[in-house]
Amino acid sequence: MRPTTHRSVHSTSLGGARPHRTTAVAAATLGVVLLVSGCATDGSAGAGRPEPGSAPTAVTSTTAPTATVPDPSVVVDAVDPAAVLAEAVFDVPGSPGDTVRVGVESLVASGPTMELRLVVTPELASPDENATVRISDLAGDSTWRPTLTDTAHLKEYSILRSSGQRWETDTSQARTTSGTSLRYQAWFARPEDDAQTLDLAVTAAWPLFEGVPITYEG
């Protein structure tokens, strides 16, 4: 008779390990859900993002436009060839038949500077109605370089300079046509010795304007 063999079967409980793993997976899944949910409700990410296919929302401003109010202290004086202290007609050097009418509009000292204003009107012998002429061209083969002289105190005033640039209308850019006036402006140092008049030379080729009165405005 064959002896009976008793085998002890030790079952290994796998059921005890699985709930822990399931719990970990569930916790991870919940964390992902919360993370996604948090991104969807965060004001800095995802908030206000339009759904696919939806029209963009128009943004309108509720601020009323500010009206521009003109400043009455800012003025642009019209050029009036009749409103001058003195005028003369000069030949354009090197251009026979062409002349230029130059009027002294004003000579005003204010603060540390003195402003000269001239009214310039070219009068060409054979003008081209479509052509323009520069102020510098009107000096011909001379140079447009106004200077002021105080003969009583033996002093001469030249146009002020800063960084290599003269304080004057750009004579190579300011243009006009024959018979049409334009203004030229230049700034000098305020006169010394309480001078009341100065002599003006516009170019070395033309006669002087003698005794141009100075207006003092402070």
N, C-alpha and C. Protein backbone atom coordinates (compact mmCIF):
# COMPACT_ATOMS: atom_id res chain seq x y z
N MET A 1 0.86 -1.18 0.00
CA MET A 1 0.00 0.00 0.00
C MET A 1 0.89 1.22 0.00
N ARG A 2 0.61 2.07 -0.98
CA ARG A 2 1.45 3.25 -1.16
C ARG A 2 1.11 4.25 -0.09
N PRO A 3 2.13 4.74 0.56
CA PRO A 3 1.85 5.70 1.62
C PRO A 3 1.34 7.00 1.02
N THR A 4 0.51 7.60 1.74
CA THR A 4 -0.08 8.88 1.29
C THR A 4 0.85 10.00 1.64
N THR A 5 1.12 10.81 0.65
CA THR A 5 2.03 11.95 0.88
C THR A 5 1.19 13.19 1.06
N HIS A 6 1.41 13.84 2.15
CA HIS A 6 0.68 15.10 2.43
C HIS A 6 1.55 16.29 2.05
N ARG A 7 1.06 17.00 1.12
CA ARG A 7 1.78 18.20 0.69
C ARG A 7 1.12 19.44 1.28
N SER A 8 1.96 20.21 1.81
CA SER A 8 1.44 21.47 2.37
C SER A 8 1.51 22.54 1.27
N VAL A 9 0.38 23.00 0.98
CA VAL A 9 0.31 24.03 -0.07
C VAL A 9 0.22 25.37 0.62
N HIS A 10 1.24 26.14 0.48
CA HIS A 10 1.26 27.50 1.07
C HIS A 10 0.86 28.49 -0.03
N SER A 11 -0.30 28.92 0.04
CA SER A 11 -0.75 29.88 -0.99
C SER A 11 -0.22 31.26 -0.66
N THR A 12 0.29 31.84 -1.65
CA THR A 12 0.79 33.21 -1.49
C THR A 12 -0.34 34.15 -1.83
N SER A 13 -0.69 34.99 -0.89
CA SER A 13 -1.82 35.90 -1.08
C SER A 13 -1.39 37.06 -1.96
N LEU A 14 -1.89 37.04 -3.19
CA LEU A 14 -1.63 38.15 -4.12
C LEU A 14 -2.68 39.25 -3.98
N GLY A 15 -3.77 38.83 -3.36
CA GLY A 15 -4.85 39.81 -3.23
C GLY A 15 -4.46 40.94 -2.32
N GLY A 16 -3.51 40.72 -1.37
CA GLY A 16 -3.15 41.80 -0.46
C GLY A 16 -2.32 42.88 -1.12
N ALA A 17 -1.57 42.53 -2.20
CA ALA A 17 -0.71 43.52 -2.85
C ALA A 17 -1.48 44.36 -3.85
N ARG A 18 -2.46 43.74 -4.51
CA ARG A 18 -3.16 44.44 -5.58
C ARG A 18 -3.92 45.68 -5.10
N PRO A 19 -4.60 45.66 -3.97
CA PRO A 19 -5.31 46.88 -3.57
C PRO A 19 -4.37 48.06 -3.42
N HIS A 20 -3.15 47.86 -2.92
CA HIS A 20 -2.22 48.98 -2.77
C HIS A 20 -1.84 49.56 -4.11
N ARG A 21 -1.59 48.68 -5.09
CA ARG A 21 -1.22 49.16 -6.42
C ARG A 21 -2.38 49.90 -7.07
N THR A 22 -3.57 49.34 -6.89
CA THR A 22 -4.75 50.00 -7.45
C THR A 22 -4.94 51.37 -6.84
N THR A 23 -4.67 51.47 -5.52
CA THR A 23 -4.82 52.76 -4.84
C THR A 23 -3.82 53.78 -5.38
N ALA A 24 -2.60 53.34 -5.62
CA ALA A 24 -1.57 54.24 -6.14
C ALA A 24 -1.92 54.74 -7.52
N VAL A 25 -2.42 53.82 -8.38
CA VAL A 25 -2.82 54.21 -9.73
C VAL A 25 -3.97 55.18 -9.68
N ALA A 26 -4.90 54.89 -8.78
CA ALA A 26 -6.06 55.77 -8.65
C ALA A 26 -5.64 57.15 -8.19
N ALA A 27 -4.71 57.17 -7.23
CA ALA A 27 -4.24 58.46 -6.72
C ALA A 27 -3.53 59.24 -7.80
N ALA A 28 -2.72 58.56 -8.63
CA ALA A 28 -2.02 59.23 -9.72
C ALA A 28 -3.01 59.77 -10.73
N THR A 29 -4.04 58.93 -11.02
CA THR A 29 -5.07 59.38 -11.98
C THR A 29 -5.79 60.59 -11.46
N LEU A 30 -6.10 60.59 -10.17
CA LEU A 30 -6.79 61.73 -9.58
C LEU A 30 -5.92 62.97 -9.63
N GLY A 31 -4.61 62.78 -9.39
CA GLY A 31 -3.70 63.91 -9.47
C GLY A 31 -3.67 64.52 -10.86
N VAL A 32 -3.70 63.67 -11.90
CA VAL A 32 -3.72 64.17 -13.28
C VAL A 32 -5.00 64.93 -13.55
N VAL A 33 -6.12 64.37 -13.06
CA VAL A 33 -7.41 65.03 -13.25
C VAL A 33 -7.41 66.39 -12.60
N LEU A 34 -6.88 66.46 -11.35
CA LEU A 34 -6.85 67.74 -10.64
C LEU A 34 -5.93 68.72 -11.34
N LEU A 35 -4.80 68.22 -11.87
CA LEU A 35 -3.87 69.09 -12.56
C LEU A 35 -4.50 69.68 -13.81
N VAL A 36 -5.16 68.82 -14.60
CA VAL A 36 -5.83 69.28 -15.80
C VAL A 36 -6.94 70.25 -15.45
N SER A 37 -7.67 69.94 -14.40
CA SER A 37 -8.76 70.81 -13.97
C SER A 37 -8.22 72.15 -13.52
N GLY A 38 -7.08 72.13 -12.82
CA GLY A 38 -6.47 73.36 -12.36
C GLY A 38 -6.02 74.23 -13.51
N CYS A 39 -5.46 73.61 -14.57
CA CYS A 39 -5.02 74.38 -15.72
C CYS A 39 -6.20 75.01 -16.43
N ALA A 40 -7.31 74.34 -16.46
CA ALA A 40 -8.47 74.84 -17.16
C ALA A 40 -9.11 76.01 -16.45
N THR A 41 -8.93 76.08 -15.11
CA THR A 41 -9.59 77.13 -14.35
C THR A 41 -8.63 78.22 -13.93
N ASP A 42 -7.34 78.07 -14.24
CA ASP A 42 -6.35 79.08 -13.87
C ASP A 42 -6.54 80.31 -14.74
N GLY A 43 -6.53 81.51 -14.15
CA GLY A 43 -6.75 82.74 -14.90
C GLY A 43 -5.65 83.05 -15.88
N SER A 44 -4.43 82.46 -15.67
CA SER A 44 -3.31 82.79 -16.56
C SER A 44 -3.12 81.79 -17.67
N ALA A 45 -3.75 80.68 -17.63
CA ALA A 45 -3.57 79.66 -18.67
C ALA A 45 -4.90 79.04 -19.00
N GLY A 46 -5.36 79.18 -20.20
CA GLY A 46 -6.59 78.54 -20.63
C GLY A 46 -7.79 79.42 -20.43
N ALA A 47 -7.70 80.39 -19.54
CA ALA A 47 -8.87 81.21 -19.26
C ALA A 47 -9.16 82.11 -20.44
N GLY A 48 -10.38 82.21 -20.82
CA GLY A 48 -10.77 83.09 -21.91
C GLY A 48 -10.40 82.58 -23.28
N ARG A 49 -9.83 81.36 -23.39
CA ARG A 49 -9.44 80.84 -24.68
C ARG A 49 -10.69 80.43 -25.44
N PRO A 50 -10.87 80.95 -26.68
CA PRO A 50 -12.10 80.63 -27.41
C PRO A 50 -12.15 79.17 -27.79
N GLU A 51 -13.36 78.63 -27.79
CA GLU A 51 -13.56 77.27 -28.22
C GLU A 51 -13.32 77.17 -29.71
N PRO A 52 -12.90 75.98 -30.18
CA PRO A 52 -12.68 75.81 -31.62
C PRO A 52 -13.93 76.16 -32.41
N GLY A 53 -13.74 76.98 -33.44
CA GLY A 53 -14.87 77.33 -34.28
C GLY A 53 -15.62 78.56 -33.82
N SER A 54 -15.30 79.08 -32.61
CA SER A 54 -16.03 80.24 -32.13
C SER A 54 -15.39 81.51 -32.68
N ALA A 55 -16.20 82.56 -32.86
CA ALA A 55 -15.69 83.82 -33.40
C ALA A 55 -14.95 84.57 -32.33
N PRO A 56 -13.85 85.30 -32.69
CA PRO A 56 -13.11 86.08 -31.69
C PRO A 56 -13.97 87.23 -31.18
N THR A 57 -13.74 87.56 -29.91
CA THR A 57 -14.49 88.63 -29.28
C THR A 57 -13.86 89.97 -29.60
N ALA A 58 -14.63 90.91 -30.11
CA ALA A 58 -14.12 92.23 -30.44
C ALA A 58 -13.85 93.00 -29.16
N VAL A 59 -12.69 93.71 -29.13
CA VAL A 59 -12.33 94.52 -27.98
C VAL A 59 -12.55 95.98 -28.34
N THR A 60 -13.36 96.65 -27.61
CA THR A 60 -13.65 98.05 -27.88
C THR A 60 -13.16 98.90 -26.73
N SER A 61 -12.71 100.12 -27.06
CA SER A 61 -12.23 101.04 -26.05
C SER A 61 -13.37 101.92 -25.59
N THR A 62 -13.44 102.11 -24.29
CA THR A 62 -14.49 102.96 -23.73
C THR A 62 -13.96 104.36 -23.44
N THR A 63 -12.67 104.61 -23.79
CA THR A 63 -12.08 105.92 -23.53
C THR A 63 -12.37 106.86 -24.69
N ALA A 64 -12.96 107.98 -24.41
CA ALA A 64 -13.30 108.94 -25.45
C ALA A 64 -12.03 109.61 -25.97
N PRO A 65 -11.92 109.84 -27.29
CA PRO A 65 -10.72 110.50 -27.84
C PRO A 65 -10.60 111.91 -27.28
N THR A 66 -9.34 112.32 -27.08
CA THR A 66 -9.07 113.65 -26.56
C THR A 66 -8.97 114.65 -27.70
N ALA A 67 -9.75 115.69 -27.63
CA ALA A 67 -9.73 116.71 -28.68
C ALA A 67 -8.46 117.56 -28.57
N THR A 68 -7.88 117.89 -29.72
CA THR A 68 -6.70 118.74 -29.76
C THR A 68 -7.12 120.20 -29.71
N VAL A 69 -6.60 120.89 -28.72
CA VAL A 69 -6.93 122.31 -28.57
C VAL A 69 -5.76 123.14 -29.09
N PRO A 70 -5.98 123.96 -30.11
CA PRO A 70 -4.87 124.78 -30.64
C PRO A 70 -4.30 125.71 -29.57
N ASP A 71 -3.00 125.86 -29.59
CA ASP A 71 -2.33 126.77 -28.67
C ASP A 71 -2.19 128.13 -29.35
N PRO A 72 -2.89 129.14 -28.84
CA PRO A 72 -2.85 130.45 -29.51
C PRO A 72 -1.48 131.11 -29.50
N SER A 73 -0.56 130.60 -28.64
CA SER A 73 0.77 131.20 -28.58
C SER A 73 1.66 130.73 -29.73
N VAL A 74 1.25 129.66 -30.42
CA VAL A 74 2.02 129.14 -31.56
C VAL A 74 1.47 129.77 -32.84
N VAL A 75 2.29 130.56 -33.49
CA VAL A 75 1.84 131.25 -34.70
C VAL A 75 2.85 131.06 -35.82
N VAL A 76 2.36 131.17 -37.03
CA VAL A 76 3.21 131.17 -38.22
C VAL A 76 2.88 132.44 -38.98
N ASP A 77 3.83 133.37 -39.03
CA ASP A 77 3.59 134.64 -39.70
C ASP A 77 3.59 134.47 -41.20
N ALA A 78 2.59 135.04 -41.84
CA ALA A 78 2.56 135.02 -43.30
C ALA A 78 3.64 135.92 -43.86
N VAL A 79 4.15 135.54 -45.01
CA VAL A 79 5.19 136.34 -45.67
C VAL A 79 4.51 137.46 -46.45
N ASP A 80 4.86 138.69 -46.10
CA ASP A 80 4.28 139.86 -46.78
C ASP A 80 5.42 140.72 -47.30
N PRO A 81 5.67 140.68 -48.61
CA PRO A 81 6.79 141.46 -49.15
C PRO A 81 6.62 142.96 -48.99
N ALA A 82 5.39 143.41 -48.69
CA ALA A 82 5.17 144.85 -48.51
C ALA A 82 5.47 145.30 -47.08
N ALA A 83 5.48 144.36 -46.15
CA ALA A 83 5.68 144.71 -44.73
C ALA A 83 7.15 144.57 -44.37
N VAL A 84 7.97 145.46 -44.93
CA VAL A 84 9.41 145.43 -44.67
C VAL A 84 9.89 146.82 -44.27
N LEU A 85 11.03 146.83 -43.58
CA LEU A 85 11.63 148.10 -43.16
C LEU A 85 12.35 148.78 -44.31
N ALA A 86 12.96 147.97 -45.16
CA ALA A 86 13.68 148.48 -46.32
C ALA A 86 13.83 147.35 -47.33
N GLU A 87 14.00 147.69 -48.58
CA GLU A 87 14.21 146.66 -49.60
C GLU A 87 15.10 147.21 -50.70
N ALA A 88 15.71 146.26 -51.42
CA ALA A 88 16.57 146.62 -52.53
C ALA A 88 16.54 145.49 -53.55
N VAL A 89 16.80 145.83 -54.79
CA VAL A 89 16.87 144.84 -55.86
C VAL A 89 18.33 144.69 -56.27
N PHE A 90 18.80 143.44 -56.23
CA PHE A 90 20.21 143.16 -56.55
C PHE A 90 20.30 142.25 -57.77
N ASP A 91 21.37 142.41 -58.53
CA ASP A 91 21.65 141.48 -59.62
C ASP A 91 22.16 140.17 -59.05
N VAL A 92 21.76 139.07 -59.70
CA VAL A 92 22.30 137.77 -59.32
C VAL A 92 23.69 137.65 -59.95
N PRO A 93 24.75 137.59 -59.14
CA PRO A 93 26.11 137.54 -59.69
C PRO A 93 26.30 136.37 -60.64
N GLY A 94 26.81 136.67 -61.83
CA GLY A 94 27.09 135.62 -62.80
C GLY A 94 25.88 135.18 -63.60
N SER A 95 24.74 135.85 -63.42
CA SER A 95 23.52 135.46 -64.14
C SER A 95 22.86 136.72 -64.71
N PRO A 96 23.36 137.22 -65.84
CA PRO A 96 22.86 138.48 -66.41
C PRO A 96 21.35 138.47 -66.64
N GLY A 97 20.71 139.55 -66.22
CA GLY A 97 19.26 139.68 -66.42
C GLY A 97 18.45 139.19 -65.23
N ASP A 98 19.04 138.34 -64.41
CA ASP A 98 18.31 137.83 -63.23
C ASP A 98 18.57 138.74 -62.03
N THR A 99 17.51 139.06 -61.32
CA THR A 99 17.63 139.89 -60.12
C THR A 99 16.89 139.23 -58.96
N VAL A 100 17.14 139.76 -57.78
CA VAL A 100 16.44 139.27 -56.58
C VAL A 100 16.10 140.48 -55.73
N ARG A 101 14.85 140.52 -55.28
CA ARG A 101 14.39 141.59 -54.40
C ARG A 101 14.52 141.11 -52.95
N VAL A 102 15.26 141.85 -52.14
CA VAL A 102 15.49 141.48 -50.74
C VAL A 102 14.90 142.57 -49.85
N GLY A 103 14.01 142.18 -48.96
CA GLY A 103 13.43 143.12 -48.01
C GLY A 103 13.83 142.76 -46.60
N VAL A 104 14.19 143.76 -45.80
CA VAL A 104 14.51 143.53 -44.39
C VAL A 104 13.21 143.62 -43.60
N GLU A 105 12.75 142.48 -43.13
CA GLU A 105 11.48 142.43 -42.39
C GLU A 105 11.65 142.89 -40.95
N SER A 106 12.67 142.38 -40.27
CA SER A 106 12.87 142.77 -38.87
C SER A 106 14.24 142.33 -38.40
N LEU A 107 14.68 142.99 -37.33
CA LEU A 107 15.91 142.62 -36.62
C LEU A 107 15.58 142.77 -35.14
N VAL A 108 15.38 141.63 -34.47
CA VAL A 108 14.83 141.64 -33.11
C VAL A 108 15.79 140.94 -32.16
N ALA A 109 16.16 141.66 -31.09
CA ALA A 109 17.00 141.08 -30.03
C ALA A 109 16.09 140.63 -28.89
N SER A 110 16.24 139.37 -28.48
CA SER A 110 15.43 138.81 -27.40
C SER A 110 16.29 137.81 -26.64
N GLY A 111 16.51 138.07 -25.34
CA GLY A 111 17.38 137.18 -24.57
C GLY A 111 18.80 137.28 -25.10
N PRO A 112 19.48 136.15 -25.23
CA PRO A 112 20.89 136.19 -25.67
C PRO A 112 21.08 136.23 -27.17
N THR A 113 19.98 136.21 -27.95
CA THR A 113 20.12 136.14 -29.40
C THR A 113 19.42 137.31 -30.09
N MET A 114 19.71 137.43 -31.37
CA MET A 114 19.10 138.45 -32.22
C MET A 114 18.69 137.76 -33.52
N GLU A 115 17.43 137.94 -33.93
CA GLU A 115 16.91 137.28 -35.12
C GLU A 115 16.76 138.28 -36.28
N LEU A 116 17.29 137.88 -37.42
CA LEU A 116 17.14 138.65 -38.65
C LEU A 116 16.14 137.93 -39.55
N ARG A 117 15.18 138.70 -40.07
CA ARG A 117 14.22 138.15 -41.02
C ARG A 117 14.29 138.94 -42.32
N LEU A 118 14.44 138.21 -43.42
CA LEU A 118 14.45 138.80 -44.75
C LEU A 118 13.33 138.20 -45.58
N VAL A 119 12.77 139.00 -46.49
CA VAL A 119 11.80 138.51 -47.47
C VAL A 119 12.51 138.51 -48.82
N VAL A 120 12.60 137.33 -49.42
CA VAL A 120 13.40 137.14 -50.64
C VAL A 120 12.47 136.80 -51.81
N THR A 121 12.60 137.56 -52.90
CA THR A 121 11.75 137.33 -54.07
C THR A 121 12.62 137.31 -55.32
N PRO A 122 12.81 136.13 -55.92
CA PRO A 122 13.60 136.09 -57.16
C PRO A 122 12.80 136.68 -58.33
N GLU A 123 13.49 137.39 -59.20
CA GLU A 123 12.87 137.97 -60.39
C GLU A 123 13.76 137.61 -61.57
N LEU A 124 13.45 136.47 -62.18
CA LEU A 124 14.31 135.92 -63.22
C LEU A 124 13.91 136.42 -64.59
N ALA A 125 14.89 136.60 -65.45
CA ALA A 125 14.65 137.13 -66.79
C ALA A 125 13.85 136.16 -67.65
N SER A 126 14.19 134.89 -67.58
CA SER A 126 13.49 133.86 -68.37
C SER A 126 13.07 132.73 -67.45
N PRO A 127 12.06 132.95 -66.63
CA PRO A 127 11.69 131.93 -65.64
C PRO A 127 11.02 130.72 -66.29
N ASP A 128 11.31 129.57 -65.74
CA ASP A 128 10.64 128.34 -66.12
C ASP A 128 9.55 128.12 -65.08
N GLU A 129 8.30 128.09 -65.55
CA GLU A 129 7.18 128.01 -64.59
C GLU A 129 7.21 126.75 -63.75
N ASN A 130 7.91 125.72 -64.21
CA ASN A 130 7.98 124.47 -63.46
C ASN A 130 9.27 124.34 -62.65
N ALA A 131 10.15 125.33 -62.79
CA ALA A 131 11.44 125.25 -62.10
C ALA A 131 11.40 126.04 -60.81
N THR A 132 12.13 125.56 -59.83
CA THR A 132 12.27 126.27 -58.56
C THR A 132 13.72 126.72 -58.41
N VAL A 133 13.90 127.74 -57.59
CA VAL A 133 15.24 128.28 -57.37
C VAL A 133 15.51 128.29 -55.87
N ARG A 134 16.73 127.93 -55.49
CA ARG A 134 17.12 127.93 -54.08
C ARG A 134 17.64 129.30 -53.67
N ILE A 135 17.55 129.58 -52.37
CA ILE A 135 18.10 130.85 -51.88
C ILE A 135 19.59 130.95 -52.21
N SER A 136 20.30 129.86 -52.03
CA SER A 136 21.75 129.88 -52.30
C SER A 136 22.04 130.19 -53.76
N ASP A 137 21.12 129.82 -54.69
CA ASP A 137 21.33 130.11 -56.11
C ASP A 137 21.26 131.60 -56.39
N LEU A 138 20.52 132.32 -55.56
CA LEU A 138 20.32 133.75 -55.80
C LEU A 138 21.58 134.57 -55.51
N ALA A 139 22.53 133.96 -54.81
CA ALA A 139 23.82 134.63 -54.57
C ALA A 139 24.75 134.44 -55.75
N GLY A 140 24.33 133.65 -56.73
CA GLY A 140 25.13 133.42 -57.93
C GLY A 140 26.48 132.83 -57.59
N ASP A 141 27.55 133.43 -58.13
CA ASP A 141 28.88 132.92 -57.85
C ASP A 141 29.48 133.52 -56.59
N SER A 142 28.66 134.24 -55.83
CA SER A 142 29.06 134.69 -54.50
C SER A 142 28.49 133.71 -53.46
N THR A 143 28.45 134.11 -52.21
CA THR A 143 27.94 133.24 -51.14
C THR A 143 26.90 133.98 -50.32
N TRP A 144 25.78 133.31 -50.09
CA TRP A 144 24.73 133.89 -49.23
C TRP A 144 25.18 133.72 -47.79
N ARG A 145 25.67 134.82 -47.19
CA ARG A 145 26.21 134.74 -45.84
C ARG A 145 26.00 136.08 -45.13
N PRO A 146 24.80 136.36 -44.63
CA PRO A 146 24.54 137.66 -43.98
C PRO A 146 25.45 137.89 -42.77
N THR A 147 25.93 139.13 -42.66
CA THR A 147 26.69 139.56 -41.50
C THR A 147 26.16 140.93 -41.07
N LEU A 148 26.28 141.19 -39.78
CA LEU A 148 25.83 142.46 -39.21
C LEU A 148 27.03 143.18 -38.61
N THR A 149 27.13 144.49 -38.85
CA THR A 149 28.30 145.25 -38.42
C THR A 149 27.87 146.46 -37.58
N ASP A 150 28.54 146.61 -36.44
CA ASP A 150 28.38 147.79 -35.60
C ASP A 150 29.60 148.68 -35.85
N THR A 151 29.44 149.62 -36.76
CA THR A 151 30.59 150.45 -37.14
C THR A 151 31.00 151.42 -36.03
N ALA A 152 30.04 151.75 -35.15
CA ALA A 152 30.37 152.68 -34.06
C ALA A 152 31.30 152.04 -33.05
N HIS A 153 31.17 150.72 -32.85
CA HIS A 153 31.99 150.03 -31.85
C HIS A 153 32.94 149.02 -32.49
N LEU A 154 33.04 149.06 -33.84
CA LEU A 154 33.98 148.21 -34.58
C LEU A 154 33.77 146.72 -34.24
N LYS A 155 32.50 146.28 -34.34
CA LYS A 155 32.18 144.88 -34.06
C LYS A 155 31.34 144.31 -35.20
N GLU A 156 31.62 143.05 -35.50
CA GLU A 156 30.88 142.34 -36.55
C GLU A 156 30.24 141.10 -35.95
N TYR A 157 28.99 140.84 -36.35
CA TYR A 157 28.25 139.69 -35.83
C TYR A 157 27.97 138.71 -36.97
N SER A 158 28.40 137.46 -36.76
CA SER A 158 28.17 136.40 -37.73
C SER A 158 27.07 135.46 -37.23
N ILE A 159 26.52 134.68 -38.15
CA ILE A 159 25.46 133.73 -37.79
C ILE A 159 25.98 132.73 -36.76
N LEU A 160 25.19 132.48 -35.75
CA LEU A 160 25.57 131.53 -34.71
C LEU A 160 25.71 130.13 -35.29
N ARG A 161 26.59 129.34 -34.67
CA ARG A 161 26.82 127.97 -35.11
C ARG A 161 26.70 127.04 -33.90
N SER A 162 26.24 125.82 -34.17
CA SER A 162 26.17 124.79 -33.14
C SER A 162 26.38 123.44 -33.81
N SER A 163 27.36 122.69 -33.32
CA SER A 163 27.68 121.37 -33.90
C SER A 163 27.92 121.46 -35.41
N GLY A 164 28.55 122.55 -35.82
CA GLY A 164 28.88 122.70 -37.23
C GLY A 164 27.74 123.22 -38.10
N GLN A 165 26.57 123.43 -37.51
CA GLN A 165 25.42 123.90 -38.27
C GLN A 165 25.13 125.37 -37.95
N ARG A 166 24.85 126.15 -38.99
CA ARG A 166 24.50 127.55 -38.78
C ARG A 166 23.02 127.68 -38.39
N TRP A 167 22.76 128.63 -37.54
CA TRP A 167 21.39 128.91 -37.11
C TRP A 167 20.72 129.79 -38.16
N GLU A 168 20.27 129.18 -39.22
CA GLU A 168 19.65 129.92 -40.30
C GLU A 168 18.76 129.00 -41.11
N THR A 169 17.92 129.59 -41.93
CA THR A 169 17.16 128.82 -42.91
C THR A 169 18.15 128.08 -43.81
N ASP A 170 17.84 126.82 -44.10
CA ASP A 170 18.73 126.04 -44.96
C ASP A 170 18.63 126.58 -46.39
N THR A 171 19.63 127.32 -46.80
CA THR A 171 19.57 127.99 -48.11
C THR A 171 19.68 127.03 -49.29
N SER A 172 20.13 125.81 -49.02
CA SER A 172 20.21 124.82 -50.10
C SER A 172 18.91 124.02 -50.24
N GLN A 173 18.00 124.17 -49.27
CA GLN A 173 16.74 123.44 -49.30
C GLN A 173 15.54 124.35 -49.51
N ALA A 174 15.59 125.58 -49.01
CA ALA A 174 14.47 126.51 -49.17
C ALA A 174 14.38 126.94 -50.63
N ARG A 175 13.25 126.67 -51.24
CA ARG A 175 13.08 126.94 -52.67
C ARG A 175 11.82 127.76 -52.92
N THR A 176 11.83 128.46 -54.04
CA THR A 176 10.65 129.20 -54.48
C THR A 176 10.71 129.33 -55.99
N THR A 177 9.72 130.00 -56.56
CA THR A 177 9.69 130.23 -58.00
C THR A 177 9.82 131.73 -58.26
N SER A 178 10.11 132.07 -59.48
CA SER A 178 10.27 133.48 -59.83
C SER A 178 8.99 134.25 -59.53
N GLY A 179 9.13 135.36 -58.79
CA GLY A 179 7.99 136.19 -58.44
C GLY A 179 7.29 135.80 -57.16
N THR A 180 7.71 134.70 -56.53
CA THR A 180 7.09 134.24 -55.29
C THR A 180 8.06 134.45 -54.13
N SER A 181 7.56 135.11 -53.09
CA SER A 181 8.42 135.46 -51.95
C SER A 181 8.51 134.33 -50.94
N LEU A 182 9.63 134.27 -50.24
CA LEU A 182 9.78 133.37 -49.11
C LEU A 182 10.62 134.07 -48.04
N ARG A 183 10.50 133.59 -46.82
CA ARG A 183 11.21 134.21 -45.70
C ARG A 183 12.51 133.47 -45.43
N TYR A 184 13.52 134.27 -45.13
CA TYR A 184 14.80 133.74 -44.67
C TYR A 184 15.02 134.25 -43.24
N GLN A 185 15.47 133.34 -42.34
CA GLN A 185 15.72 133.71 -40.95
C GLN A 185 17.13 133.28 -40.55
N ALA A 186 17.75 134.11 -39.70
CA ALA A 186 19.09 133.79 -39.18
C ALA A 186 19.20 134.39 -37.79
N TRP A 187 20.01 133.71 -36.94
CA TRP A 187 20.17 134.15 -35.55
C TRP A 187 21.63 134.50 -35.27
N PHE A 188 21.79 135.60 -34.54
CA PHE A 188 23.10 136.12 -34.17
C PHE A 188 23.13 136.32 -32.64
N ALA A 189 24.33 136.57 -32.13
CA ALA A 189 24.44 136.91 -30.71
C ALA A 189 23.81 138.29 -30.47
N ARG A 190 23.26 138.46 -29.30
CA ARG A 190 22.68 139.75 -28.95
C ARG A 190 23.76 140.84 -29.04
N PRO A 191 23.43 141.98 -29.59
CA PRO A 191 24.45 143.02 -29.74
C PRO A 191 24.91 143.58 -28.41
N GLU A 192 26.16 143.94 -28.37
CA GLU A 192 26.74 144.55 -27.17
C GLU A 192 26.68 146.08 -27.29
N ASP A 193 27.04 146.71 -26.21
CA ASP A 193 27.18 148.18 -26.21
C ASP A 193 25.86 148.91 -26.48
N ASP A 194 24.72 148.23 -26.29
CA ASP A 194 23.41 148.87 -26.50
C ASP A 194 23.29 149.50 -27.88
N ALA A 195 23.79 148.80 -28.88
CA ALA A 195 23.70 149.30 -30.25
C ALA A 195 22.23 149.45 -30.65
N GLN A 196 21.91 150.50 -31.37
CA GLN A 196 20.54 150.76 -31.80
C GLN A 196 20.32 150.41 -33.27
N THR A 197 21.38 150.44 -34.04
CA THR A 197 21.30 150.08 -35.46
C THR A 197 22.53 149.27 -35.85
N LEU A 198 22.39 148.47 -36.89
CA LEU A 198 23.51 147.70 -37.44
C LEU A 198 23.43 147.76 -38.96
N ASP A 199 24.58 147.58 -39.60
CA ASP A 199 24.63 147.50 -41.06
C ASP A 199 24.59 146.03 -41.47
N LEU A 200 23.82 145.75 -42.52
CA LEU A 200 23.62 144.37 -42.97
C LEU A 200 24.23 144.16 -44.35
N ALA A 201 25.09 143.14 -44.47
CA ALA A 201 25.59 142.67 -45.76
C ALA A 201 25.04 141.26 -45.98
N VAL A 202 24.24 141.09 -47.04
CA VAL A 202 23.66 139.76 -47.32
C VAL A 202 24.69 138.88 -48.02
N THR A 203 25.36 139.44 -49.01
CA THR A 203 26.51 138.78 -49.65
C THR A 203 27.61 139.83 -49.82
N ALA A 204 28.81 139.33 -50.07
CA ALA A 204 29.93 140.25 -50.27
C ALA A 204 29.83 141.01 -51.59
N ALA A 205 28.95 140.53 -52.50
CA ALA A 205 28.83 141.15 -53.82
C ALA A 205 27.81 142.28 -53.86
N TRP A 206 26.98 142.42 -52.83
CA TRP A 206 25.90 143.41 -52.86
C TRP A 206 26.20 144.56 -51.90
N PRO A 207 25.64 145.73 -52.15
CA PRO A 207 25.79 146.85 -51.23
C PRO A 207 25.12 146.55 -49.88
N LEU A 208 25.48 147.34 -48.87
CA LEU A 208 24.95 147.16 -47.52
C LEU A 208 23.57 147.77 -47.37
N PHE A 209 22.79 147.18 -46.45
CA PHE A 209 21.64 147.88 -45.86
C PHE A 209 22.21 148.61 -44.64
N GLU A 210 22.24 149.91 -44.69
CA GLU A 210 22.86 150.67 -43.61
C GLU A 210 21.81 151.15 -42.59
N GLY A 211 22.20 151.05 -41.31
CA GLY A 211 21.35 151.58 -40.25
C GLY A 211 20.07 150.81 -40.02
N VAL A 212 20.12 149.48 -40.07
CA VAL A 212 18.92 148.68 -39.79
C VAL A 212 18.60 148.77 -38.30
N PRO A 213 17.40 149.24 -37.92
CA PRO A 213 17.08 149.40 -36.51
C PRO A 213 16.88 148.07 -35.79
N ILE A 214 17.31 148.02 -34.54
CA ILE A 214 17.15 146.83 -33.70
C ILE A 214 15.95 147.03 -32.78
N THR A 215 15.08 146.04 -32.71
CA THR A 215 13.97 146.05 -31.75
C THR A 215 14.35 145.14 -30.59
N TYR A 216 14.29 145.69 -29.38
CA TYR A 216 14.63 144.91 -28.18
C TYR A 216 13.36 144.42 -27.51
N GLU A 217 13.27 143.11 -27.30
CA GLU A 217 12.10 142.52 -26.67
C GLU A 217 12.47 141.78 -25.39
N GLY A 218 13.40 142.31 -24.65
CA GLY A 218 13.79 141.68 -23.39
C GLY A 218 15.14 141.01 -23.47
